[in-house]
Amino acid sequence: MSANESPASPRPAQPTATSDAVKDSAFLRACRREPVPHTPVWFMRQAGRSLPEYRKVREGIPMLESCMRPELVTEITLQPVRRHDVDAAIYFSDIVVPLKAIGIDLDIKPGVGPVVERPIRTRADLAQLRDLTPEDVSYVTEAIGMLTAELGSTPLIGFAGAPFTLASYLVEGGPSRTYENAKAIMYGDPELWADLLDRLADITAAFLKVQIEAGASAVQLFDSWAGALAPADYRRSVLPASAKVFEAVAGYGVPRIHFGVGTGELLKPMSDAGADIVGVDWRVPLDEAARRVGPGKTLQGNLDPTVLFAGTEAVETKTREVLDAAAGLEGHIFNLGHGVMPSTDPDALTRLVEYVHTQTAR
């Protein structure tokens, strides 16, 4: 059964109803490689610990619980839009939310990350991965409805974790630097590995469909740990599952973004998985990334997040380098090369948005 035919989404995909103002936003125009009034800016983890208002509303509330409270999700998602004047909001959630929603025993431990009580390492363990239904994540539908009513002409980006990154957490039982258990299955039992990623592709596609049908104007697939793979292994053992996710949501007509960390050698195969926009971390200049990706794609990125600690002059110098490297691109969305670091000065982000907007005004 394909992701398009899964019980979680019995209806065929239809283009989503998006307001004309949102469709004409700088962000969505850049996604479509159309002329823009300025280079659009948003930041991964723009809603998070760098903001004092975020820390205040999250005080005493565990991470996963905060992702299931629609009013809290709405407030947190809106905070960076109000403060920084970014060109897009990204839905506040976590990549393990759909896994929690289908009953996986996991928690996000402060200072550690997602920890899985019963790692998946055998074929029998696959029974833990049932289909995701919209009812499992009704709080997502509710929160996105509230958000789109508040955001006006600002697009909302939905997101999910890619099958490989979710599999890494599920197999390892938590964060890993070596992925030895996941790679052991990938190399030693490729049939089990393929079935694991295929199930995760269906779950991920269902989660993205819920967000799109609720009103998300674009979606981003985070394959945060794909950089641990050699290109040949990525193409053989990971690309088919990610491609299944992108194909499952293609009919909605919303832009699809693909991002990973340390993926300079994977930019072409990640592009081949089917995204419209390819995220680039800070290790590869955007002009070189464009050569690797090939024509027909918008690029997103790619300022090193640590530059924001270096002072305004250094930030502007490095930002100018990114903008210069992006000058010949078919489309460019300015972002960091990874997420906002928790100790980042929020005012530095606000100044960065203003600088990019000013420098790129058409």
Foldseek 3Di string as FASTA:
>chain_A
DFLLCDPQDPDGAAAADDDPLQCLFQVNCLLQLHDHQFFFEDAAPLQDLQDPVNCVLCPPPFQQRLQQALVSQLVSQCVSCVQQVGQATEGDHDQCNLLVLLPFPWGQDPPFGIFGPQADQDLVSCVSQDAGHCVSRVSLLVNLLVNCVVVPNRAYEYEHEALVQVNLCRHVRGDDDQSVSLVCCVVVPVVSLQVSLSSVLSNRLSVVVSNVNSPHQEYEYEHAPCLNDDQVSCLVRGLVSLLSSLVSNVNNVHAYEYEYANCLVPLQSSLVSPGQEYEAEPPDAPLVSCVNNDPRHEYEDYAALVQLVVDDVSLLVSVVSNCVSCVPHSGYHYYYNHGHDSNGNSVSSSVSSVSSRVVGRD
